[in-house]
Amino acid sequence: MKRIKCELMYDGSRFSGYQSQLNDRTVQQELEKALWKIHKKMTVKTHASGRTDAGVHALGQIVHFDTPLAMPADRWARALNGELPQDISVKRTEEVPDSFHARYSVTGKEYRYRIYRTPYRDPFRTSYAYHYPYPLDVERMKKAAAHLIGEHDFTSFCSAKTDKENKVRTVTNILFIETGNDLEVRFTGNGFLYNMVRIMVGTLIKVGNGRMEPEDVAKILADRNRQHAGQTAPAAGLYLWQVFYDN
């Protein structure tokens, strides 16, 4: 058996998230369907770096699977892309040792959240960025974001639906990139809880529009109460950008 690591990208607009579900279309189901065809109707289980929610996109999701086929590792990308639907694409594949695990070997991740601030909604961007037609003070947002950097208990910034008991995570960097009316917020850390990035964005927007002070973010962290943070920002603006591993 060989272990193959895949880096894939997908448009999450028409998926009910990454993980397989009984009655909904998911990325994992499409990927495993493609592997089933390539393996002549043999089931092949995949393992991803983590789940993405319905509507969330990815440019650097990492998945691994084990295969008995002798196909060269670098040819798997072309083989899979020949079977996958148009909204999923495998960027590259490589053989990795059995000790590698797409989820448990992760050392960090980067997510990016895109906002556009035009007075009107752009129908061609509805599924790919959050339309926010009101003024945002980005300097205030940067001051608030500084309180999120470091190791913290992020209970206040996590959905109550999470199955994680340990909510301590380390955010290493939050970067704001402005290009005209577009604002992209980049989050890097050792891991993120369920809805954590979207709740952080919703809270930063609340600071940016003046409904919350930057210093309030430190209090929200200390309170460990989801009700004290901002709303969960829409899924359409979120991208799993890249996943980090040792070496």
C-alpha atoms as a PDB file:
ATOM      1  CA  MET A   1       0.000   0.000   0.000  1.00  0.00           C
ATOM      2  CA  LYS A   2       1.121   3.534  -0.756  1.00  0.00           C
ATOM      3  CA  ARG A   3      -0.022   6.688   1.029  1.00  0.00           C
ATOM      4  CA  ILE A   4      -0.861   9.581  -1.294  1.00  0.00           C
ATOM      5  CA  LYS A   5      -1.113  13.182  -0.149  1.00  0.00           C
ATOM      6  CA  CYS A   6      -3.346  15.494  -2.213  1.00  0.00           C
ATOM      7  CA  GLU A   7      -3.647  19.261  -2.188  1.00  0.00           C
ATOM      8  CA  LEU A   8      -7.027  20.291  -3.504  1.00  0.00           C
ATOM      9  CA  MET A   9      -9.101  23.362  -4.062  1.00  0.00           C
ATOM     10  CA  TYR A  10     -12.875  23.640  -4.249  1.00  0.00           C
ATOM     11  CA  ASP A  11     -15.696  26.076  -4.648  1.00  0.00           C
ATOM     12  CA  GLY A  12     -17.810  25.441  -1.573  1.00  0.00           C
ATOM     13  CA  SER A  13     -20.916  27.198  -2.921  1.00  0.00           C
ATOM     14  CA  ARG A  14     -22.776  24.029  -3.865  1.00  0.00           C
ATOM     15  CA  PHE A  15     -21.457  21.765  -1.138  1.00  0.00           C
ATOM     16  CA  SER A  16     -22.881  21.054   2.305  1.00  0.00           C
ATOM     17  CA  GLY A  17     -19.347  21.209   3.677  1.00  0.00           C
ATOM     18  CA  TYR A  18     -16.381  18.882   3.295  1.00  0.00           C
ATOM     19  CA  GLN A  19     -17.375  15.875   5.419  1.00  0.00           C
ATOM     20  CA  SER A  20     -19.624  13.118   4.082  1.00  0.00           C
ATOM     21  CA  GLN A  21     -23.318  13.357   4.992  1.00  0.00           C
ATOM     22  CA  LEU A  22     -26.228  11.045   4.309  1.00  0.00           C
ATOM     23  CA  ASN A  23     -28.418  13.176   2.063  1.00  0.00           C
ATOM     24  CA  ASP A  24     -26.307  16.149   1.022  1.00  0.00           C
ATOM     25  CA  ARG A  25     -23.558  16.742  -1.521  1.00  0.00           C
ATOM     26  CA  THR A  26     -20.111  17.072   0.045  1.00  0.00           C
ATOM     27  CA  VAL A  27     -16.511  17.363  -1.117  1.00  0.00           C
ATOM     28  CA  GLN A  28     -15.462  14.127   0.587  1.00  0.00           C
ATOM     29  CA  GLN A  29     -18.210  12.166  -1.139  1.00  0.00           C
ATOM     30  CA  GLU A  30     -17.188  13.467  -4.575  1.00  0.00           C
ATOM     31  CA  LEU A  31     -13.523  12.718  -3.901  1.00  0.00           C
ATOM     32  CA  GLU A  32     -14.217   9.200  -2.673  1.00  0.00           C
ATOM     33  CA  LYS A  33     -16.552   8.588  -5.621  1.00  0.00           C
ATOM     34  CA  ALA A  34     -13.690   9.493  -7.971  1.00  0.00           C
ATOM     35  CA  LEU A  35     -11.338   7.139  -6.098  1.00  0.00           C
ATOM     36  CA  TRP A  36     -13.971   4.383  -6.224  1.00  0.00           C
ATOM     37  CA  LYS A  37     -14.062   4.664 -10.027  1.00  0.00           C
ATOM     38  CA  ILE A  38     -10.260   4.688 -10.376  1.00  0.00           C
ATOM     39  CA  HIS A  39      -9.983   1.656  -8.068  1.00  0.00           C
ATOM     40  CA  LYS A  40     -12.560  -0.293 -10.126  1.00  0.00           C
ATOM     41  CA  LYS A  41     -15.381  -0.041  -7.565  1.00  0.00           C
ATOM     42  CA  MET A  42     -13.203  -0.522  -4.470  1.00  0.00           C
ATOM     43  CA  THR A  43     -13.968   1.791  -1.546  1.00  0.00           C
ATOM     44  CA  VAL A  44     -11.072   4.055  -0.563  1.00  0.00           C
ATOM     45  CA  LYS A  45     -11.325   6.132   2.613  1.00  0.00           C
ATOM     46  CA  THR A  46      -9.904   9.654   2.631  1.00  0.00           C
ATOM     47  CA  HIS A  47      -8.653  11.727   5.571  1.00  0.00           C
ATOM     48  CA  ALA A  48      -8.603  15.542   5.450  1.00  0.00           C
ATOM     49  CA  SER A  49      -6.769  18.193   7.453  1.00  0.00           C
ATOM     50  CA  GLY A  50     -10.153  19.260   8.813  1.00  0.00           C
ATOM     51  CA  ARG A  51     -13.752  19.964   7.936  1.00  0.00           C
ATOM     52  CA  THR A  52     -15.026  23.053   6.162  1.00  0.00           C
ATOM     53  CA  ASP A  53     -18.633  24.171   6.554  1.00  0.00           C
ATOM     54  CA  ALA A  54     -21.277  24.548   3.877  1.00  0.00           C
ATOM     55  CA  GLY A  55     -20.372  27.413   1.567  1.00  0.00           C
ATOM     56  CA  VAL A  56     -16.732  27.641   2.700  1.00  0.00           C
ATOM     57  CA  HIS A  57     -14.067  27.429   0.001  1.00  0.00           C
ATOM     58  CA  ALA A  58     -10.568  25.959  -0.045  1.00  0.00           C
ATOM     59  CA  LEU A  59      -7.424  26.646  -2.026  1.00  0.00           C
ATOM     60  CA  GLY A  60      -5.143  24.398  -0.013  1.00  0.00           C
ATOM     61  CA  GLN A  61      -7.097  21.588   1.631  1.00  0.00           C
ATOM     62  CA  ILE A  62      -4.900  18.547   2.320  1.00  0.00           C
ATOM     63  CA  VAL A  63      -6.192  14.987   2.066  1.00  0.00           C
ATOM     64  CA  HIS A  64      -4.487  11.596   2.197  1.00  0.00           C
ATOM     65  CA  PHE A  65      -5.551   8.093   1.226  1.00  0.00           C
ATOM     66  CA  ASP A  66      -3.939   4.656   0.984  1.00  0.00           C
ATOM     67  CA  THR A  67      -3.946   2.773  -2.291  1.00  0.00           C
ATOM     68  CA  PRO A  68      -2.741  -0.602  -3.587  1.00  0.00           C
ATOM     69  CA  LEU A  69      -2.369   0.781  -7.121  1.00  0.00           C
ATOM     70  CA  ALA A  70       1.097   1.182  -8.611  1.00  0.00           C
ATOM     71  CA  MET A  71       0.319   4.475 -10.335  1.00  0.00           C
ATOM     72  CA  PRO A  72       3.176   7.021  -9.963  1.00  0.00           C
ATOM     73  CA  ALA A  73       2.329   9.542  -7.243  1.00  0.00           C
ATOM     74  CA  ASP A  74       2.492  12.586  -9.484  1.00  0.00           C
ATOM     75  CA  ARG A  75      -0.089  11.101 -11.885  1.00  0.00           C
ATOM     76  CA  TRP A  76      -2.834  10.913  -9.279  1.00  0.00           C
ATOM     77  CA  ALA A  77      -3.735  14.584  -9.728  1.00  0.00           C
ATOM     78  CA  ARG A  78      -4.542  14.096 -13.420  1.00  0.00           C
ATOM     79  CA  ALA A  79      -6.380  10.830 -12.764  1.00  0.00           C
ATOM     80  CA  LEU A  80      -8.561  12.355 -10.064  1.00  0.00           C
ATOM     81  CA  ASN A  81      -9.276  15.539 -11.999  1.00  0.00           C
ATOM     82  CA  GLY A  82     -10.547  13.381 -14.841  1.00  0.00           C
ATOM     83  CA  GLU A  83     -13.267  12.002 -12.541  1.00  0.00           C
ATOM     84  CA  LEU A  84     -14.041  14.985 -10.295  1.00  0.00           C
ATOM     85  CA  PRO A  85     -16.777  17.587 -10.918  1.00  0.00           C
ATOM     86  CA  GLN A  86     -15.863  21.083 -12.101  1.00  0.00           C
ATOM     87  CA  ASP A  87     -16.014  22.652  -8.631  1.00  0.00           C
ATOM     88  CA  ILE A  88     -13.178  20.474  -7.227  1.00  0.00           C
ATOM     89  CA  SER A  89      -9.619  20.337  -8.514  1.00  0.00           C
ATOM     90  CA  VAL A  90      -6.554  18.479  -7.255  1.00  0.00           C
ATOM     91  CA  LYS A  91      -3.529  20.788  -7.499  1.00  0.00           C
ATOM     92  CA  ARG A  92      -0.782  18.259  -6.773  1.00  0.00           C
ATOM     93  CA  THR A  93      -0.182  14.800  -5.358  1.00  0.00           C
ATOM     94  CA  GLU A  94       2.813  13.094  -3.791  1.00  0.00           C
ATOM     95  CA  GLU A  95       3.672   9.893  -1.966  1.00  0.00           C
ATOM     96  CA  VAL A  96       4.247  10.303   1.770  1.00  0.00           C
ATOM     97  CA  PRO A  97       5.355   7.921   4.529  1.00  0.00           C
ATOM     98  CA  ASP A  98       2.791   5.976   6.552  1.00  0.00           C
ATOM     99  CA  SER A  99       3.581   8.203   9.538  1.00  0.00           C
ATOM    100  CA  PHE A 100       2.006  11.187   7.751  1.00  0.00           C
ATOM    101  CA  HIS A 101      -1.614  11.973   8.571  1.00  0.00           C
ATOM    102  CA  ALA A 102      -3.476  14.816   6.879  1.00  0.00           C
ATOM    103  CA  ARG A 103      -5.209  15.756  10.133  1.00  0.00           C
ATOM    104  CA  TYR A 104      -2.979  14.678  12.998  1.00  0.00           C
ATOM    105  CA  SER A 105       0.293  15.873  11.437  1.00  0.00           C
ATOM    106  CA  VAL A 106      -0.956  19.455  11.003  1.00  0.00           C
ATOM    107  CA  THR A 107       1.174  22.142  12.676  1.00  0.00           C
ATOM    108  CA  GLY A 108      -0.808  25.169  11.525  1.00  0.00           C
ATOM    109  CA  LYS A 109      -3.353  26.628   9.111  1.00  0.00           C
ATOM    110  CA  GLU A 110      -4.068  29.857   7.301  1.00  0.00           C
ATOM    111  CA  TYR A 111      -7.584  31.069   6.602  1.00  0.00           C
ATOM    112  CA  ARG A 112      -8.525  34.154   4.636  1.00  0.00           C
ATOM    113  CA  TYR A 113     -11.791  36.070   4.843  1.00  0.00           C
ATOM    114  CA  ARG A 114     -12.892  38.381   2.030  1.00  0.00           C
ATOM    115  CA  ILE A 115     -15.181  41.401   2.408  1.00  0.00           C
ATOM    116  CA  TYR A 116     -16.181  43.922  -0.256  1.00  0.00           C
ATOM    117  CA  ARG A 117     -17.624  47.286   0.704  1.00  0.00           C
ATOM    118  CA  THR A 118     -19.423  48.676  -2.346  1.00  0.00           C
ATOM    119  CA  PRO A 119     -22.815  50.404  -1.877  1.00  0.00           C
ATOM    120  CA  TYR A 120     -24.439  47.790  -4.136  1.00  0.00           C
ATOM    121  CA  ARG A 121     -24.269  44.006  -4.058  1.00  0.00           C
ATOM    122  CA  ASP A 122     -22.284  42.346  -6.842  1.00  0.00           C
ATOM    123  CA  PRO A 123     -24.239  39.245  -7.977  1.00  0.00           C
ATOM    124  CA  PHE A 124     -21.025  37.729  -9.365  1.00  0.00           C
ATOM    125  CA  ARG A 125     -19.359  37.817  -5.929  1.00  0.00           C
ATOM    126  CA  THR A 126     -22.280  36.742  -3.750  1.00  0.00           C
ATOM    127  CA  SER A 127     -20.882  33.250  -3.196  1.00  0.00           C
ATOM    128  CA  TYR A 128     -17.247  34.323  -2.844  1.00  0.00           C
ATOM    129  CA  ALA A 129     -17.102  37.336  -0.510  1.00  0.00           C
ATOM    130  CA  TYR A 130     -19.183  39.044   2.168  1.00  0.00           C
ATOM    131  CA  HIS A 131     -20.907  42.205   0.983  1.00  0.00           C
ATOM    132  CA  TYR A 132     -20.750  44.838   3.720  1.00  0.00           C
ATOM    133  CA  PRO A 133     -22.035  48.196   2.348  1.00  0.00           C
ATOM    134  CA  TYR A 134     -21.304  50.264   5.471  1.00  0.00           C
ATOM    135  CA  PRO A 135     -18.169  52.125   6.639  1.00  0.00           C
ATOM    136  CA  LEU A 136     -15.534  50.098   8.496  1.00  0.00           C
ATOM    137  CA  ASP A 137     -12.690  51.618  10.497  1.00  0.00           C
ATOM    138  CA  VAL A 138      -9.914  49.147   9.717  1.00  0.00           C
ATOM    139  CA  GLU A 139      -7.493  50.752  12.180  1.00  0.00           C
ATOM    140  CA  ARG A 140      -9.920  50.002  15.010  1.00  0.00           C
ATOM    141  CA  MET A 141     -10.227  46.442  13.714  1.00  0.00           C
ATOM    142  CA  LYS A 142      -6.443  46.053  13.782  1.00  0.00           C
ATOM    143  CA  LYS A 143      -6.324  47.205  17.415  1.00  0.00           C
ATOM    144  CA  ALA A 144      -9.032  44.694  18.315  1.00  0.00           C
ATOM    145  CA  ALA A 145      -7.276  41.890  16.413  1.00  0.00           C
ATOM    146  CA  ALA A 146      -4.110  42.431  18.466  1.00  0.00           C
ATOM    147  CA  HIS A 147      -5.994  41.046  21.500  1.00  0.00           C
ATOM    148  CA  LEU A 148      -6.677  37.789  19.633  1.00  0.00           C
ATOM    149  CA  ILE A 149      -3.046  37.070  18.836  1.00  0.00           C
ATOM    150  CA  GLY A 150      -1.321  34.592  21.144  1.00  0.00           C
ATOM    151  CA  GLU A 151      -2.466  31.550  23.091  1.00  0.00           C
ATOM    152  CA  HIS A 152      -5.986  31.944  24.483  1.00  0.00           C
ATOM    153  CA  ASP A 153      -9.059  29.989  25.437  1.00  0.00           C
ATOM    154  CA  PHE A 154     -11.320  30.792  22.474  1.00  0.00           C
ATOM    155  CA  THR A 155     -14.591  29.542  23.994  1.00  0.00           C
ATOM    156  CA  SER A 156     -16.201  32.924  23.231  1.00  0.00           C
ATOM    157  CA  PHE A 157     -15.241  32.547  19.579  1.00  0.00           C
ATOM    158  CA  CYS A 158     -16.454  29.003  19.062  1.00  0.00           C
ATOM    159  CA  SER A 159     -19.818  27.555  18.085  1.00  0.00           C
ATOM    160  CA  ALA A 160     -21.690  25.728  20.829  1.00  0.00           C
ATOM    161  CA  LYS A 161     -21.933  22.811  18.366  1.00  0.00           C
ATOM    162  CA  THR A 162     -18.222  22.017  18.638  1.00  0.00           C
ATOM    163  CA  ASP A 163     -17.147  18.617  19.914  1.00  0.00           C
ATOM    164  CA  LYS A 164     -13.798  19.945  21.171  1.00  0.00           C
ATOM    165  CA  GLU A 165     -13.365  20.110  24.946  1.00  0.00           C
ATOM    166  CA  ASN A 166     -10.020  21.900  24.812  1.00  0.00           C
ATOM    167  CA  LYS A 167     -10.646  25.344  23.325  1.00  0.00           C
ATOM    168  CA  VAL A 168      -7.130  26.709  23.788  1.00  0.00           C
ATOM    169  CA  ARG A 169      -5.570  27.716  20.482  1.00  0.00           C
ATOM    170  CA  THR A 170      -2.701  29.945  19.360  1.00  0.00           C
ATOM    171  CA  VAL A 171      -3.281  32.626  16.746  1.00  0.00           C
ATOM    172  CA  THR A 172       0.112  33.681  15.415  1.00  0.00           C
ATOM    173  CA  ASN A 173      -0.880  36.458  13.027  1.00  0.00           C
ATOM    174  CA  ILE A 174      -3.855  38.479  11.761  1.00  0.00           C
ATOM    175  CA  LEU A 175      -3.152  40.570   8.695  1.00  0.00           C
ATOM    176  CA  PHE A 176      -5.430  43.109   7.001  1.00  0.00           C
ATOM    177  CA  ILE A 177      -5.060  43.688   3.249  1.00  0.00           C
ATOM    178  CA  GLU A 178      -7.036  46.564   1.671  1.00  0.00           C
ATOM    179  CA  THR A 179      -7.373  46.928  -2.089  1.00  0.00           C
ATOM    180  CA  GLY A 180      -9.891  49.602  -3.000  1.00  0.00           C
ATOM    181  CA  ASN A 181     -13.254  48.505  -1.630  1.00  0.00           C
ATOM    182  CA  ASP A 182     -11.954  45.000  -0.918  1.00  0.00           C
ATOM    183  CA  LEU A 183     -10.754  43.942   2.524  1.00  0.00           C
ATOM    184  CA  GLU A 184      -9.092  40.583   3.150  1.00  0.00           C
ATOM    185  CA  VAL A 185      -8.321  39.413   6.688  1.00  0.00           C
ATOM    186  CA  ARG A 186      -5.728  36.640   6.967  1.00  0.00           C
ATOM    187  CA  PHE A 187      -5.614  34.431  10.057  1.00  0.00           C
ATOM    188  CA  THR A 188      -2.714  32.101  10.837  1.00  0.00           C
ATOM    189  CA  GLY A 189      -2.584  29.796  13.843  1.00  0.00           C
ATOM    190  CA  ASN A 190      -1.889  26.310  15.130  1.00  0.00           C
ATOM    191  CA  GLY A 191      -5.535  25.366  14.747  1.00  0.00           C
ATOM    192  CA  PHE A 192      -9.046  26.811  14.669  1.00  0.00           C
ATOM    193  CA  LEU A 193     -12.269  25.766  16.366  1.00  0.00           C
ATOM    194  CA  TYR A 194     -15.667  25.303  14.744  1.00  0.00           C
ATOM    195  CA  ASN A 195     -16.755  28.716  13.302  1.00  0.00           C
ATOM    196  CA  MET A 196     -13.840  30.400  15.101  1.00  0.00           C
ATOM    197  CA  VAL A 197     -12.609  32.467  12.144  1.00  0.00           C
ATOM    198  CA  ARG A 198     -16.117  33.547  11.157  1.00  0.00           C
ATOM    199  CA  ILE A 199     -16.935  34.603  14.728  1.00  0.00           C
ATOM    200  CA  MET A 200     -13.664  36.538  14.974  1.00  0.00           C
ATOM    201  CA  VAL A 201     -14.541  38.305  11.720  1.00  0.00           C
ATOM    202  CA  GLY A 202     -18.056  39.107  12.940  1.00  0.00           C
ATOM    203  CA  THR A 203     -16.597  40.566  16.136  1.00  0.00           C
ATOM    204  CA  LEU A 204     -13.967  42.610  14.288  1.00  0.00           C
ATOM    205  CA  ILE A 205     -16.695  44.028  12.033  1.00  0.00           C
ATOM    206  CA  LYS A 206     -18.620  45.068  15.128  1.00  0.00           C
ATOM    207  CA  VAL A 207     -15.530  46.960  16.269  1.00  0.00           C
ATOM    208  CA  GLY A 208     -15.018  48.440  12.810  1.00  0.00           C
ATOM    209  CA  ASN A 209     -18.541  49.855  12.672  1.00  0.00           C
ATOM    210  CA  GLY A 210     -18.278  51.400  16.141  1.00  0.00           C
ATOM    211  CA  ARG A 211     -20.699  49.111  17.983  1.00  0.00           C
ATOM    212  CA  MET A 212     -17.873  47.689  20.101  1.00  0.00           C
ATOM    213  CA  GLU A 213     -14.556  49.028  21.378  1.00  0.00           C
ATOM    214  CA  PRO A 214     -11.239  47.351  20.479  1.00  0.00           C
ATOM    215  CA  GLU A 215     -10.519  46.739  24.173  1.00  0.00           C
ATOM    216  CA  ASP A 216     -13.774  44.814  24.514  1.00  0.00           C
ATOM    217  CA  VAL A 217     -12.219  41.875  22.653  1.00  0.00           C
ATOM    218  CA  ALA A 218      -9.902  41.145  25.590  1.00  0.00           C
ATOM    219  CA  LYS A 219     -12.932  41.078  27.916  1.00  0.00           C
ATOM    220  CA  ILE A 220     -14.822  38.772  25.567  1.00  0.00           C
ATOM    221  CA  LEU A 221     -11.911  36.313  25.566  1.00  0.00           C
ATOM    222  CA  ALA A 222     -11.797  36.370  29.367  1.00  0.00           C
ATOM    223  CA  ASP A 223     -15.574  35.882  29.697  1.00  0.00           C
ATOM    224  CA  ARG A 224     -15.502  32.595  27.729  1.00  0.00           C
ATOM    225  CA  ASN A 225     -19.105  33.190  26.659  1.00  0.00           C
ATOM    226  CA  ARG A 226     -20.137  32.893  23.026  1.00  0.00           C
ATOM    227  CA  GLN A 227     -23.030  35.325  23.560  1.00  0.00           C
ATOM    228  CA  HIS A 228     -20.619  38.195  24.202  1.00  0.00           C
ATOM    229  CA  ALA A 229     -18.856  38.008  20.806  1.00  0.00           C
ATOM    230  CA  GLY A 230     -20.162  39.270  17.467  1.00  0.00           C
ATOM    231  CA  GLN A 231     -22.283  37.420  14.950  1.00  0.00           C
ATOM    232  CA  THR A 232     -20.903  34.590  12.856  1.00  0.00           C
ATOM    233  CA  ALA A 233     -19.858  36.103   9.518  1.00  0.00           C
ATOM    234  CA  PRO A 234     -21.299  34.425   6.390  1.00  0.00           C
ATOM    235  CA  ALA A 235     -19.553  31.333   5.054  1.00  0.00           C
ATOM    236  CA  ALA A 236     -19.156  32.699   1.515  1.00  0.00           C
ATOM    237  CA  GLY A 237     -16.215  34.924   2.431  1.00  0.00           C
ATOM    238  CA  LEU A 238     -14.089  32.212   4.060  1.00  0.00           C
ATOM    239  CA  TYR A 239     -11.251  30.299   2.407  1.00  0.00           C
ATOM    240  CA  LEU A 240      -9.024  27.570   3.824  1.00  0.00           C
ATOM    241  CA  TRP A 241      -5.872  28.926   2.233  1.00  0.00           C
ATOM    242  CA  GLN A 242      -3.112  26.545   3.271  1.00  0.00           C
ATOM    243  CA  VAL A 243      -2.215  23.856   5.794  1.00  0.00           C
ATOM    244  CA  PHE A 244       1.214  23.595   7.381  1.00  0.00           C
ATOM    245  CA  TYR A 245       3.204  20.490   8.271  1.00  0.00           C
ATOM    246  CA  ASP A 246       6.740  19.922   9.546  1.00  0.00           C
ATOM    247  CA  ASN A 247       9.259  19.565   6.718  1.00  0.00           C
END
